[in-house]
PDB file of N, CA and C in Angstrom:
ATOM      1  N   UNK A   1     169.560  49.685-146.886  1.00  0.00           N
ATOM      2  CA  UNK A   1     169.653  49.765-148.325  1.00  0.00           C
ATOM      3  C   UNK A   1     168.930  48.551-148.918  1.00  0.00           C
ATOM      4  N   UNK A   2     168.013  48.831-149.815  1.00  0.00           N
ATOM      5  CA  UNK A   2     167.218  47.778-150.439  1.00  0.00           C
ATOM      6  C   UNK A   2     168.014  47.070-151.523  1.00  0.00           C
ATOM      7  N   UNK A   3     167.652  45.831-151.769  1.00  0.00           N
ATOM      8  CA  UNK A   3     168.307  45.094-152.849  1.00  0.00           C
ATOM      9  C   UNK A   3     167.664  45.480-154.184  1.00  0.00           C
ATOM     10  N   UNK A   4     168.388  45.178-155.253  1.00  0.00           N
ATOM     11  CA  UNK A   4     167.875  45.503-156.584  1.00  0.00           C
ATOM     12  C   UNK A   4     166.627  44.679-156.901  1.00  0.00           C
ATOM     13  N   UNK A   5     166.547  43.493-156.352  1.00  0.00           N
ATOM     14  CA  UNK A   5     165.387  42.633-156.600  1.00  0.00           C
ATOM     15  C   UNK A   5     164.113  43.246-156.025  1.00  0.00           C
ATOM     16  N   UNK A   6     164.190  43.764-154.813  1.00  0.00           N
ATOM     17  CA  UNK A   6     162.998  44.373-154.210  1.00  0.00           C
ATOM     18  C   UNK A   6     162.603  45.663-154.936  1.00  0.00           C
ATOM     19  N   UNK A   7     163.598  46.420-155.377  1.00  0.00           N
ATOM     20  CA  UNK A   7     163.293  47.641-156.124  1.00  0.00           C
ATOM     21  C   UNK A   7     162.643  47.298-157.453  1.00  0.00           C
ATOM     22  N   UNK A   8     163.156  46.266-158.125  1.00  0.00           N
ATOM     23  CA  UNK A   8     162.580  45.858-159.408  1.00  0.00           C
ATOM     24  C   UNK A   8     161.152  45.346-159.244  1.00  0.00           C
ATOM     25  N   UNK A   9     160.877  44.622-158.182  1.00  0.00           N
ATOM     26  CA  UNK A   9     159.516  44.157-157.910  1.00  0.00           C
ATOM     27  C   UNK A   9     158.596  45.343-157.648  1.00  0.00           C
ATOM     28  N   UNK A  10     159.094  46.336-156.922  1.00  0.00           N
ATOM     29  CA  UNK A  10     158.302  47.546-156.657  1.00  0.00           C
ATOM     30  C   UNK A  10     158.011  48.304-157.958  1.00  0.00           C
ATOM     31  N   UNK A  11     159.007  48.390-158.837  1.00  0.00           N
ATOM     32  CA  UNK A  11     158.801  49.047-160.132  1.00  0.00           C
ATOM     33  C   UNK A  11     157.772  48.273-160.947  1.00  0.00           C
ATOM     34  N   UNK A  12     157.862  46.954-160.930  1.00  0.00           N
ATOM     35  CA  UNK A  12     156.922  46.123-161.686  1.00  0.00           C
ATOM     36  C   UNK A  12     155.493  46.308-161.187  1.00  0.00           C
ATOM     37  N   UNK A  13     155.310  46.422-159.902  1.00  0.00           N
ATOM     38  CA  UNK A  13     153.960  46.553-159.331  1.00  0.00           C
ATOM     39  C   UNK A  13     153.385  47.959-159.480  1.00  0.00           C
ATOM     40  N   UNK A  14     154.232  48.977-159.357  1.00  0.00           N
ATOM     41  CA  UNK A  14     153.715  50.342-159.278  1.00  0.00           C
ATOM     42  C   UNK A  14     153.908  51.171-160.550  1.00  0.00           C
ATOM     43  N   UNK A  15     154.978  50.920-161.303  1.00  0.00           N
ATOM     44  CA  UNK A  15     155.306  51.780-162.447  1.00  0.00           C
ATOM     45  C   UNK A  15     155.737  50.938-163.639  1.00  0.00           C
ATOM     46  N   UNK A  16     154.758  50.393-164.316  1.00  0.00           N
ATOM     47  CA  UNK A  16     155.077  49.557-165.478  1.00  0.00           C
ATOM     48  C   UNK A  16     155.685  50.379-166.621  1.00  0.00           C
ATOM     49  N   UNK A  17     155.320  51.651-166.708  1.00  0.00           N
ATOM     50  CA  UNK A  17     155.898  52.475-167.779  1.00  0.00           C
ATOM     51  C   UNK A  17     157.399  52.655-167.572  1.00  0.00           C
ATOM     52  N   UNK A  18     157.829  52.748-166.334  1.00  0.00           N
ATOM     53  CA  UNK A  18     159.259  52.838-166.058  1.00  0.00           C
ATOM     54  C   UNK A  18     159.955  51.526-166.409  1.00  0.00           C
ATOM     55  N   UNK A  19     159.296  50.415-166.162  1.00  0.00           N
ATOM     56  CA  UNK A  19     159.853  49.116-166.516  1.00  0.00           C
ATOM     57  C   UNK A  19     159.980  48.973-168.033  1.00  0.00           C
ATOM     58  N   UNK A  20     158.995  49.460-168.755  1.00  0.00           N
ATOM     59  CA  UNK A  20     159.053  49.435-170.218  1.00  0.00           C
ATOM     60  C   UNK A  20     160.201  50.313-170.707  1.00  0.00           C
ATOM     61  N   UNK A  21     160.390  51.447-170.093  1.00  0.00           N
ATOM     62  CA  UNK A  21     161.494  52.335-170.459  1.00  0.00           C
ATOM     63  C   UNK A  21     162.841  51.680-170.166  1.00  0.00           C
ATOM     64  N   UNK A  22     162.926  50.951-169.063  1.00  0.00           N
ATOM     65  CA  UNK A  22     164.158  50.221-168.744  1.00  0.00           C
ATOM     66  C   UNK A  22     164.433  49.135-169.786  1.00  0.00           C
ATOM     67  N   UNK A  23     163.383  48.454-170.228  1.00  0.00           N
ATOM     68  CA  UNK A  23     163.558  47.430-171.260  1.00  0.00           C
ATOM     69  C   UNK A  23     163.973  48.050-172.595  1.00  0.00           C
ATOM     70  N   UNK A  24     163.419  49.231-172.917  1.00  0.00           N
ATOM     71  CA  UNK A  24     163.813  49.932-174.141  1.00  0.00           C
ATOM     72  C   UNK A  24     165.286  50.314-174.112  1.00  0.00           C
ATOM     73  N   UNK A  25     165.734  50.826-172.974  1.00  0.00           N
ATOM     74  CA  UNK A  25     167.148  51.176-172.831  1.00  0.00           C
ATOM     75  C   UNK A  25     168.009  49.941-173.043  1.00  0.00           C
ATOM     76  N   UNK A  26     167.616  48.819-172.444  1.00  0.00           N
ATOM     77  CA  UNK A  26     168.390  47.593-172.599  1.00  0.00           C
ATOM     78  C   UNK A  26     168.400  47.120-174.052  1.00  0.00           C
ATOM     79  N   UNK A  27     167.245  47.141-174.707  1.00  0.00           N
ATOM     80  CA  UNK A  27     167.173  46.664-176.087  1.00  0.00           C
ATOM     81  C   UNK A  27     167.961  47.545-177.045  1.00  0.00           C
ATOM     82  N   UNK A  28     167.826  48.862-176.908  1.00  0.00           N
ATOM     83  CA  UNK A  28     168.573  49.755-177.787  1.00  0.00           C
ATOM     84  C   UNK A  28     170.074  49.681-177.511  1.00  0.00           C
ATOM     85  N   UNK A  29     170.458  49.485-176.260  1.00  0.00           N
ATOM     86  CA  UNK A  29     171.879  49.329-175.946  1.00  0.00           C
ATOM     87  C   UNK A  29     172.419  48.035-176.543  1.00  0.00           C
ATOM     88  N   UNK A  30     171.630  46.980-176.521  1.00  0.00           N
ATOM     89  CA  UNK A  30     172.087  45.735-177.134  1.00  0.00           C
ATOM     90  C   UNK A  30     172.138  45.864-178.660  1.00  0.00           C
ATOM     91  N   UNK A  31     171.247  46.666-179.227  1.00  0.00           N
ATOM     92  CA  UNK A  31     171.328  46.965-180.654  1.00  0.00           C
ATOM     93  C   UNK A  31     172.607  47.714-180.982  1.00  0.00           C
ATOM     94  N   UNK A  32     172.958  48.690-180.138  1.00  0.00           N
ATOM     95  CA  UNK A  32     174.224  49.407-180.317  1.00  0.00           C
ATOM     96  C   UNK A  32     175.401  48.464-180.163  1.00  0.00           C
ATOM     97  N   UNK A  33     175.319  47.533-179.228  1.00  0.00           N
ATOM     98  CA  UNK A  33     176.393  46.566-179.033  1.00  0.00           C
ATOM     99  C   UNK A  33     176.588  45.701-180.275  1.00  0.00           C
ATOM    100  N   UNK A  34     175.504  45.178-180.791  1.00  0.00           N
ATOM    101  CA  UNK A  34     175.595  44.323-181.984  1.00  0.00           C
ATOM    102  C   UNK A  34     176.108  45.110-183.182  1.00  0.00           C
ATOM    103  N   UNK A  35     175.579  46.318-183.381  1.00  0.00           N
ATOM    104  CA  UNK A  35     176.015  47.142-184.505  1.00  0.00           C
ATOM    105  C   UNK A  35     177.487  47.511-184.381  1.00  0.00           C
ATOM    106  N   UNK A  36     177.920  47.863-183.180  1.00  0.00           N
ATOM    107  CA  UNK A  36     179.315  48.264-183.008  1.00  0.00           C
ATOM    108  C   UNK A  36     180.263  47.078-183.147  1.00  0.00           C
ATOM    109  N   UNK A  37     179.831  45.894-182.716  1.00  0.00           N
ATOM    110  CA  UNK A  37     180.684  44.724-182.884  1.00  0.00           C
ATOM    111  C   UNK A  37     180.801  44.308-184.348  1.00  0.00           C
ATOM    112  N   UNK A  38     179.740  44.520-185.114  1.00  0.00           N
ATOM    113  CA  UNK A  38     179.833  44.195-186.541  1.00  0.00           C
ATOM    114  C   UNK A  38     180.678  45.215-187.301  1.00  0.00           C
ATOM    115  N   UNK A  39     180.822  46.425-186.776  1.00  0.00           N
ATOM    116  CA  UNK A  39     181.612  47.464-187.445  1.00  0.00           C
ATOM    117  C   UNK A  39     183.092  47.403-187.098  1.00  0.00           C
ATOM    118  N   UNK A  40     183.478  46.628-186.081  1.00  0.00           N
ATOM    119  CA  UNK A  40     184.897  46.492-185.765  1.00  0.00           C
ATOM    120  C   UNK A  40     185.573  45.681-186.868  1.00  0.00           C
ATOM    121  N   UNK A  41     186.626  46.217-187.416  1.00  0.00           N
ATOM    122  CA  UNK A  41     187.334  45.548-188.505  1.00  0.00           C
ATOM    123  C   UNK A  41     188.809  45.478-188.145  1.00  0.00           C
ATOM    124  N   UNK A  42     189.225  44.324-187.612  1.00  0.00           N
ATOM    125  CA  UNK A  42     190.606  44.158-187.162  1.00  0.00           C
ATOM    126  C   UNK A  42     191.586  44.023-188.310  1.00  0.00           C
ATOM    127  N   UNK A  43     191.089  43.816-189.509  1.00  0.00           N
ATOM    128  CA  UNK A  43     191.993  43.653-190.648  1.00  0.00           C
ATOM    129  C   UNK A  43     192.514  44.985-191.173  1.00  0.00           C
ATOM    130  N   UNK A  44     191.820  46.054-190.867  1.00  0.00           N
ATOM    131  CA  UNK A  44     192.245  47.370-191.343  1.00  0.00           C
ATOM    132  C   UNK A  44     193.209  47.998-190.339  1.00  0.00           C
ATOM    133  N   UNK A  45     194.262  48.554-190.837  1.00  0.00           N
ATOM    134  CA  UNK A  45     195.259  49.163-189.953  1.00  0.00           C
ATOM    135  C   UNK A  45     194.798  50.528-189.454  1.00  0.00           C
ATOM    136  N   UNK A  46     194.110  51.280-190.296  1.00  0.00           N
ATOM    137  CA  UNK A  46     193.696  52.636-189.952  1.00  0.00           C
ATOM    138  C   UNK A  46     192.211  52.788-190.233  1.00  0.00           C
ATOM    139  N   UNK A  47     191.484  53.329-189.244  1.00  0.00           N
ATOM    140  CA  UNK A  47     190.063  53.620-189.407  1.00  0.00           C
ATOM    141  C   UNK A  47     189.798  55.028-188.885  1.00  0.00           C
ATOM    142  N   UNK A  48     188.639  55.548-189.184  1.00  0.00           N
ATOM    143  CA  UNK A  48     188.233  56.851-188.664  1.00  0.00           C
ATOM    144  C   UNK A  48     187.762  56.658-187.223  1.00  0.00           C
ATOM    145  N   UNK A  49     188.373  57.414-186.290  1.00  0.00           N
ATOM    146  CA  UNK A  49     188.024  57.234-184.877  1.00  0.00           C
ATOM    147  C   UNK A  49     187.386  58.465-184.248  1.00  0.00           C
ATOM    148  N   UNK A  50     187.370  59.570-184.940  1.00  0.00           N
ATOM    149  CA  UNK A  50     186.792  60.766-184.352  1.00  0.00           C
ATOM    150  C   UNK A  50     186.594  61.845-185.389  1.00  0.00           C
ATOM    151  N   UNK A  51     185.873  62.878-184.970  1.00  0.00           N
ATOM    152  CA  UNK A  51     185.597  63.999-185.855  1.00  0.00           C
ATOM    153  C   UNK A  51     185.743  65.292-185.063  1.00  0.00           C
ATOM    154  N   UNK A  52     186.453  66.224-185.640  1.00  0.00           N
ATOM    155  CA  UNK A  52     186.580  67.547-185.051  1.00  0.00           C
ATOM    156  C   UNK A  52     186.196  68.588-186.076  1.00  0.00           C
ATOM    157  N   UNK A  53     185.624  69.677-185.635  1.00  0.00           N
ATOM    158  CA  UNK A  53     185.182  70.715-186.569  1.00  0.00           C
ATOM    159  C   UNK A  53     186.348  71.349-187.317  1.00  0.00           C
ATOM    160  N   UNK A  54     187.483  71.466-186.663  1.00  0.00           N
ATOM    161  CA  UNK A  54     188.618  72.130-187.301  1.00  0.00           C
ATOM    162  C   UNK A  54     189.418  71.149-188.146  1.00  0.00           C
ATOM    163  N   UNK A  55     189.759  70.020-187.595  1.00  0.00           N
ATOM    164  CA  UNK A  55     190.639  69.105-188.285  1.00  0.00           C
ATOM    165  C   UNK A  55     189.962  68.062-189.139  1.00  0.00           C
ATOM    166  N   UNK A  56     188.660  67.957-189.090  1.00  0.00           N
ATOM    167  CA  UNK A  56     187.949  66.932-189.844  1.00  0.00           C
ATOM    168  C   UNK A  56     188.051  65.587-189.132  1.00  0.00           C
ATOM    169  N   UNK A  57     188.018  64.525-189.899  1.00  0.00           N
ATOM    170  CA  UNK A  57     188.069  63.181-189.329  1.00  0.00           C
ATOM    171  C   UNK A  57     189.495  62.835-188.914  1.00  0.00           C
ATOM    172  N   UNK A  58     189.612  62.136-187.770  1.00  0.00           N
ATOM    173  CA  UNK A  58     190.910  61.684-187.275  1.00  0.00           C
ATOM    174  C   UNK A  58     191.054  60.192-187.517  1.00  0.00           C
ATOM    175  N   UNK A  59     192.242  59.801-187.920  1.00  0.00           N
ATOM    176  CA  UNK A  59     192.536  58.389-188.146  1.00  0.00           C
ATOM    177  C   UNK A  59     193.160  57.790-186.892  1.00  0.00           C
ATOM    178  N   UNK A  60     192.981  56.475-186.746  1.00  0.00           N
ATOM    179  CA  UNK A  60     193.578  55.771-185.627  1.00  0.00           C
ATOM    180  C   UNK A  60     193.433  54.275-185.816  1.00  0.00           C
ATOM    181  N   UNK A  61     193.856  53.535-184.824  1.00  0.00           N
ATOM    182  CA  UNK A  61     193.780  52.080-184.875  1.00  0.00           C
ATOM    183  C   UNK A  61     192.345  51.617-184.630  1.00  0.00           C
ATOM    184  N   UNK A  62     192.013  50.468-185.172  1.00  0.00           N
ATOM    185  CA  UNK A  62     190.654  49.931-185.021  1.00  0.00           C
ATOM    186  C   UNK A  62     190.322  49.659-183.559  1.00  0.00           C
ATOM    187  N   UNK A  63     191.340  49.420-182.743  1.00  0.00           N
ATOM    188  CA  UNK A  63     191.087  49.105-181.333  1.00  0.00           C
ATOM    189  C   UNK A  63     190.518  50.302-180.561  1.00  0.00           C
ATOM    190  N   UNK A  64     190.657  51.496-181.096  1.00  0.00           N
ATOM    191  CA  UNK A  64     190.064  52.671-180.454  1.00  0.00           C
ATOM    192  C   UNK A  64     188.539  52.644-180.523  1.00  0.00           C
ATOM    193  N   UNK A  65     187.988  51.886-181.465  1.00  0.00           N
ATOM    194  CA  UNK A  65     186.532  51.806-181.596  1.00  0.00           C
ATOM    195  C   UNK A  65     185.904  50.818-180.608  1.00  0.00           C
ATOM    196  N   UNK A  66     186.712  50.193-179.760  1.00  0.00           N
ATOM    197  CA  UNK A  66     186.173  49.279-178.750  1.00  0.00           C
ATOM    198  C   UNK A  66     185.359  50.051-177.711  1.00  0.00           C
ATOM    199  N   UNK A  67     185.526  51.352-177.678  1.00  0.00           N
ATOM    200  CA  UNK A  67     184.767  52.163-176.725  1.00  0.00           C
ATOM    201  C   UNK A  67     183.258  52.051-176.976  1.00  0.00           C
ATOM    202  N   UNK A  68     182.832  51.835-178.206  1.00  0.00           N
ATOM    203  CA  UNK A  68     181.402  51.753-178.499  1.00  0.00           C
ATOM    204  C   UNK A  68     180.747  50.504-177.907  1.00  0.00           C
ATOM    205  N   UNK A  69     181.336  49.308-178.029  1.00  0.00           N
ATOM    206  CA  UNK A  69     180.732  48.164-177.335  1.00  0.00           C
ATOM    207  C   UNK A  69     180.758  48.303-175.808  1.00  0.00           C
ATOM    208  N   UNK A  70     181.825  48.916-175.287  1.00  0.00           N
ATOM    209  CA  UNK A  70     181.886  49.134-173.841  1.00  0.00           C
ATOM    210  C   UNK A  70     180.777  50.084-173.402  1.00  0.00           C
ATOM    211  N   UNK A  71     180.570  51.147-174.163  1.00  0.00           N
ATOM    212  CA  UNK A  71     179.478  52.077-173.855  1.00  0.00           C
ATOM    213  C   UNK A  71     178.119  51.387-173.918  1.00  0.00           C
ATOM    214  N   UNK A  72     177.940  50.513-174.888  1.00  0.00           N
ATOM    215  CA  UNK A  72     176.666  49.813-175.025  1.00  0.00           C
ATOM    216  C   UNK A  72     176.387  48.945-173.809  1.00  0.00           C
ATOM    217  N   UNK A  73     177.392  48.249-173.324  1.00  0.00           N
ATOM    218  CA  UNK A  73     177.198  47.411-172.133  1.00  0.00           C
ATOM    219  C   UNK A  73     176.935  48.278-170.906  1.00  0.00           C
ATOM    220  N   UNK A  74     177.671  49.372-170.781  1.00  0.00           N
ATOM    221  CA  UNK A  74     177.445  50.274-169.648  1.00  0.00           C
ATOM    222  C   UNK A  74     176.048  50.873-169.685  1.00  0.00           C
ATOM    223  N   UNK A  75     175.620  51.308-170.871  1.00  0.00           N
ATOM    224  CA  UNK A  75     174.289  51.886-170.980  1.00  0.00           C
ATOM    225  C   UNK A  75     173.205  50.856-170.709  1.00  0.00           C
ATOM    226  N   UNK A  76     173.383  49.654-171.228  1.00  0.00           N
ATOM    227  CA  UNK A  76     172.337  48.638-171.108  1.00  0.00           C
ATOM    228  C   UNK A  76     172.205  48.043-169.735  1.00  0.00           C
ATOM    229  N   UNK A  77     173.298  47.844-169.052  1.00  0.00           N
ATOM    230  CA  UNK A  77     173.261  47.150-167.770  1.00  0.00           C
ATOM    231  C   UNK A  77     173.402  48.124-166.606  1.00  0.00           C
ATOM    232  N   UNK A  78     174.510  48.850-166.583  1.00  0.00           N
ATOM    233  CA  UNK A  78     174.788  49.714-165.445  1.00  0.00           C
ATOM    234  C   UNK A  78     173.749  50.827-165.288  1.00  0.00           C
ATOM    235  N   UNK A  79     173.312  51.400-166.389  1.00  0.00           N
ATOM    236  CA  UNK A  79     172.346  52.493-166.280  1.00  0.00           C
ATOM    237  C   UNK A  79     170.980  52.009-165.801  1.00  0.00           C
ATOM    238  N   UNK A  80     170.629  50.767-166.076  1.00  0.00           N
ATOM    239  CA  UNK A  80     169.377  50.244-165.529  1.00  0.00           C
ATOM    240  C   UNK A  80     169.486  50.058-164.021  1.00  0.00           C
ATOM    241  N   UNK A  81     170.641  49.584-163.553  1.00  0.00           N
ATOM    242  CA  UNK A  81     170.832  49.484-162.110  1.00  0.00           C
ATOM    243  C   UNK A  81     170.847  50.854-161.449  1.00  0.00           C
ATOM    244  N   UNK A  82     171.487  51.811-162.111  1.00  0.00           N
ATOM    245  CA  UNK A  82     171.482  53.181-161.585  1.00  0.00           C
ATOM    246  C   UNK A  82     170.069  53.774-161.583  1.00  0.00           C
ATOM    247  N   UNK A  83     169.289  53.468-162.604  1.00  0.00           N
ATOM    248  CA  UNK A  83     167.909  53.969-162.650  1.00  0.00           C
ATOM    249  C   UNK A  83     167.078  53.380-161.514  1.00  0.00           C
ATOM    250  N   UNK A  84     167.319  52.125-161.191  1.00  0.00           N
ATOM    251  CA  UNK A  84     166.601  51.538-160.050  1.00  0.00           C
ATOM    252  C   UNK A  84     166.990  52.230-158.751  1.00  0.00           C
ATOM    253  N   UNK A  85     168.270  52.545-158.608  1.00  0.00           N
ATOM    254  CA  UNK A  85     168.724  53.238-157.401  1.00  0.00           C
ATOM    255  C   UNK A  85     168.156  54.656-157.359  1.00  0.00           C
ATOM    256  N   UNK A  86     168.123  55.336-158.502  1.00  0.00           N
ATOM    257  CA  UNK A  86     167.536  56.680-158.558  1.00  0.00           C
ATOM    258  C   UNK A  86     166.049  56.616-158.226  1.00  0.00           C
ATOM    259  N   UNK A  87     165.357  55.604-158.729  1.00  0.00           N
ATOM    260  CA  UNK A  87     163.941  55.424-158.414  1.00  0.00           C
ATOM    261  C   UNK A  87     163.734  55.260-156.919  1.00  0.00           C
ATOM    262  N   UNK A  88     164.598  54.496-156.295  1.00  0.00           N
ATOM    263  CA  UNK A  88     164.472  54.255-154.860  1.00  0.00           C
ATOM    264  C   UNK A  88     164.733  55.519-154.051  1.00  0.00           C
ATOM    265  N   UNK A  89     165.699  56.327-154.492  1.00  0.00           N
ATOM    266  CA  UNK A  89     166.086  57.517-153.720  1.00  0.00           C
ATOM    267  C   UNK A  89     165.298  58.771-154.095  1.00  0.00           C
ATOM    268  N   UNK A  90     165.025  58.971-155.390  1.00  0.00           N
ATOM    269  CA  UNK A  90     164.458  60.246-155.853  1.00  0.00           C
ATOM    270  C   UNK A  90     163.064  60.147-156.459  1.00  0.00           C
ATOM    271  N   UNK A  91     162.609  58.961-156.783  1.00  0.00           N
ATOM    272  CA  UNK A  91     161.257  58.827-157.317  1.00  0.00           C
ATOM    273  C   UNK A  91     161.231  58.525-158.798  1.00  0.00           C
ATOM    274  N   UNK A  92     159.996  58.352-159.278  1.00  0.00           N
ATOM    275  CA  UNK A  92     159.794  57.892-160.646  1.00  0.00           C
ATOM    276  C   UNK A  92     160.150  58.953-161.681  1.00  0.00           C
ATOM    277  N   UNK A  93     159.917  60.221-161.391  1.00  0.00           N
ATOM    278  CA  UNK A  93     160.189  61.255-162.400  1.00  0.00           C
ATOM    279  C   UNK A  93     161.678  61.396-162.672  1.00  0.00           C
ATOM    280  N   UNK A  94     162.504  61.339-161.656  1.00  0.00           N
ATOM    281  CA  UNK A  94     163.950  61.427-161.860  1.00  0.00           C
ATOM    282  C   UNK A  94     164.493  60.183-162.554  1.00  0.00           C
ATOM    283  N   UNK A  95     163.951  59.022-162.217  1.00  0.00           N
ATOM    284  CA  UNK A  95     164.382  57.787-162.880  1.00  0.00           C
ATOM    285  C   UNK A  95     163.990  57.816-164.350  1.00  0.00           C
ATOM    286  N   UNK A  96     162.797  58.313-164.647  1.00  0.00           N
ATOM    287  CA  UNK A  96     162.359  58.429-166.033  1.00  0.00           C
ATOM    288  C   UNK A  96     163.249  59.405-166.802  1.00  0.00           C
ATOM    289  N   UNK A  97     163.571  60.530-166.179  1.00  0.00           N
ATOM    290  CA  UNK A  97     164.471  61.510-166.802  1.00  0.00           C
ATOM    291  C   UNK A  97     165.841  60.885-167.069  1.00  0.00           C
ATOM    292  N   UNK A  98     166.355  60.121-166.112  1.00  0.00           N
ATOM    293  CA  UNK A  98     167.652  59.469-166.271  1.00  0.00           C
ATOM    294  C   UNK A  98     167.632  58.471-167.426  1.00  0.00           C
ATOM    295  N   UNK A  99     166.568  57.700-167.543  1.00  0.00           N
ATOM    296  CA  UNK A  99     166.484  56.709-168.614  1.00  0.00           C
ATOM    297  C   UNK A  99     166.297  57.360-169.978  1.00  0.00           C
ATOM    298  N   UNK A 100     165.541  58.440-170.046  1.00  0.00           N
ATOM    299  CA  UNK A 100     165.376  59.150-171.322  1.00  0.00           C
ATOM    300  C   UNK A 100     166.699  59.775-171.750  1.00  0.00           C
ATOM    301  N   UNK A 101     167.447  60.302-170.792  1.00  0.00           N
ATOM    302  CA  UNK A 101     168.770  60.831-171.097  1.00  0.00           C
ATOM    303  C   UNK A 101     169.697  59.728-171.596  1.00  0.00           C
ATOM    304  N   UNK A 102     169.602  58.546-170.993  1.00  0.00           N
ATOM    305  CA  UNK A 102     170.399  57.409-171.442  1.00  0.00           C
ATOM    306  C   UNK A 102     170.031  57.011-172.864  1.00  0.00           C
ATOM    307  N   UNK A 103     168.741  57.023-173.182  1.00  0.00           N
ATOM    308  CA  UNK A 103     168.317  56.719-174.555  1.00  0.00           C
ATOM    309  C   UNK A 103     168.900  57.722-175.544  1.00  0.00           C
ATOM    310  N   UNK A 104     168.913  58.990-175.174  1.00  0.00           N
ATOM    311  CA  UNK A 104     169.499  60.000-176.064  1.00  0.00           C
ATOM    312  C   UNK A 104     170.994  59.776-176.235  1.00  0.00           C
ATOM    313  N   UNK A 105     171.687  59.363-175.181  1.00  0.00           N
ATOM    314  CA  UNK A 105     173.110  59.061-175.296  1.00  0.00           C
ATOM    315  C   UNK A 105     173.349  57.856-176.206  1.00  0.00           C
ATOM    316  N   UNK A 106     172.488  56.852-176.121  1.00  0.00           N
ATOM    317  CA  UNK A 106     172.608  55.685-176.985  1.00  0.00           C
ATOM    318  C   UNK A 106     172.420  56.091-178.445  1.00  0.00           C
ATOM    319  N   UNK A 107     171.397  56.892-178.716  1.00  0.00           N
ATOM    320  CA  UNK A 107     171.165  57.348-180.086  1.00  0.00           C
ATOM    321  C   UNK A 107     172.311  58.217-180.585  1.00  0.00           C
ATOM    322  N   UNK A 108     172.862  59.048-179.716  1.00  0.00           N
ATOM    323  CA  UNK A 108     174.021  59.863-180.102  1.00  0.00           C
ATOM    324  C   UNK A 108     175.228  59.015-180.445  1.00  0.00           C
ATOM    325  N   UNK A 109     175.496  58.000-179.635  1.00  0.00           N
ATOM    326  CA  UNK A 109     176.615  57.099-179.923  1.00  0.00           C
ATOM    327  C   UNK A 109     176.382  56.344-181.221  1.00  0.00           C
ATOM    328  N   UNK A 110     175.142  55.964-181.466  1.00  0.00           N
ATOM    329  CA  UNK A 110     174.818  55.258-182.702  1.00  0.00           C
ATOM    330  C   UNK A 110     175.024  56.152-183.919  1.00  0.00           C
ATOM    331  N   UNK A 111     174.627  57.402-183.821  1.00  0.00           N
ATOM    332  CA  UNK A 111     174.813  58.345-184.933  1.00  0.00           C
ATOM    333  C   UNK A 111     176.294  58.581-185.193  1.00  0.00           C
ATOM    334  N   UNK A 112     177.074  58.751-184.129  1.00  0.00           N
ATOM    335  CA  UNK A 112     178.519  58.955-184.303  1.00  0.00           C
ATOM    336  C   UNK A 112     179.151  57.732-184.951  1.00  0.00           C
ATOM    337  N   UNK A 113     178.779  56.545-184.506  1.00  0.00           N
ATOM    338  CA  UNK A 113     179.343  55.322-185.074  1.00  0.00           C
ATOM    339  C   UNK A 113     178.956  55.150-186.537  1.00  0.00           C
ATOM    340  N   UNK A 114     177.730  55.494-186.885  1.00  0.00           N
ATOM    341  CA  UNK A 114     177.309  55.408-188.276  1.00  0.00           C
ATOM    342  C   UNK A 114     178.107  56.387-189.144  1.00  0.00           C
ATOM    343  N   UNK A 115     178.298  57.607-188.662  1.00  0.00           N
ATOM    344  CA  UNK A 115     179.068  58.594-189.425  1.00  0.00           C
ATOM    345  C   UNK A 115     180.522  58.184-189.577  1.00  0.00           C
ATOM    346  N   UNK A 116     181.102  57.636-188.502  1.00  0.00           N
ATOM    347  CA  UNK A 116     182.503  57.208-188.589  1.00  0.00           C
ATOM    348  C   UNK A 116     182.679  56.018-189.517  1.00  0.00           C
ATOM    349  N   UNK A 117     181.747  55.086-189.464  1.00  0.00           N
ATOM    350  CA  UNK A 117     181.887  53.899-190.310  1.00  0.00           C
ATOM    351  C   UNK A 117     181.585  54.205-191.778  1.00  0.00           C
ATOM    352  N   UNK A 118     180.766  55.216-192.032  1.00  0.00           N
ATOM    353  CA  UNK A 118     180.482  55.562-193.428  1.00  0.00           C
ATOM    354  C   UNK A 118     181.633  56.329-194.063  1.00  0.00           C
ATOM    355  N   UNK A 119     182.454  56.992-193.260  1.00  0.00           N
ATOM    356  CA  UNK A 119     183.605  57.731-193.802  1.00  0.00           C
ATOM    357  C   UNK A 119     184.816  56.850-193.997  1.00  0.00           C
ATOM    358  N   UNK A 120     184.882  55.757-193.275  1.00  0.00           N
ATOM    359  CA  UNK A 120     186.076  54.893-193.328  1.00  0.00           C
ATOM    360  C   UNK A 120     186.010  53.975-194.448  1.00  0.00           C
TER     361      UNK A 120
END
């Protein structure tokens, strides 16, 4: 099993576009982290924590919104390590697909957080 350092060096030498995509995932995840941390409001007892088609917006404690910063860290760090492992095992196309899917998940989380914070 190769180390992450050797895989990253291989990506840097052979697939710079994948490295750029990894950096984009990290930057957008850190943007989500900063945005979600600025939206946490511990002074409010009740905030909007979810949306359902039938029941509309659900109220809950502000601590339920901690999931967004956790997701941002997971997307930014863990998914880059997973993408390196996917690159090593399955190749550049699967790693690229994984990172693009991660970017879509980041944008989805950002849209949900924006909608929840605008309703609260």
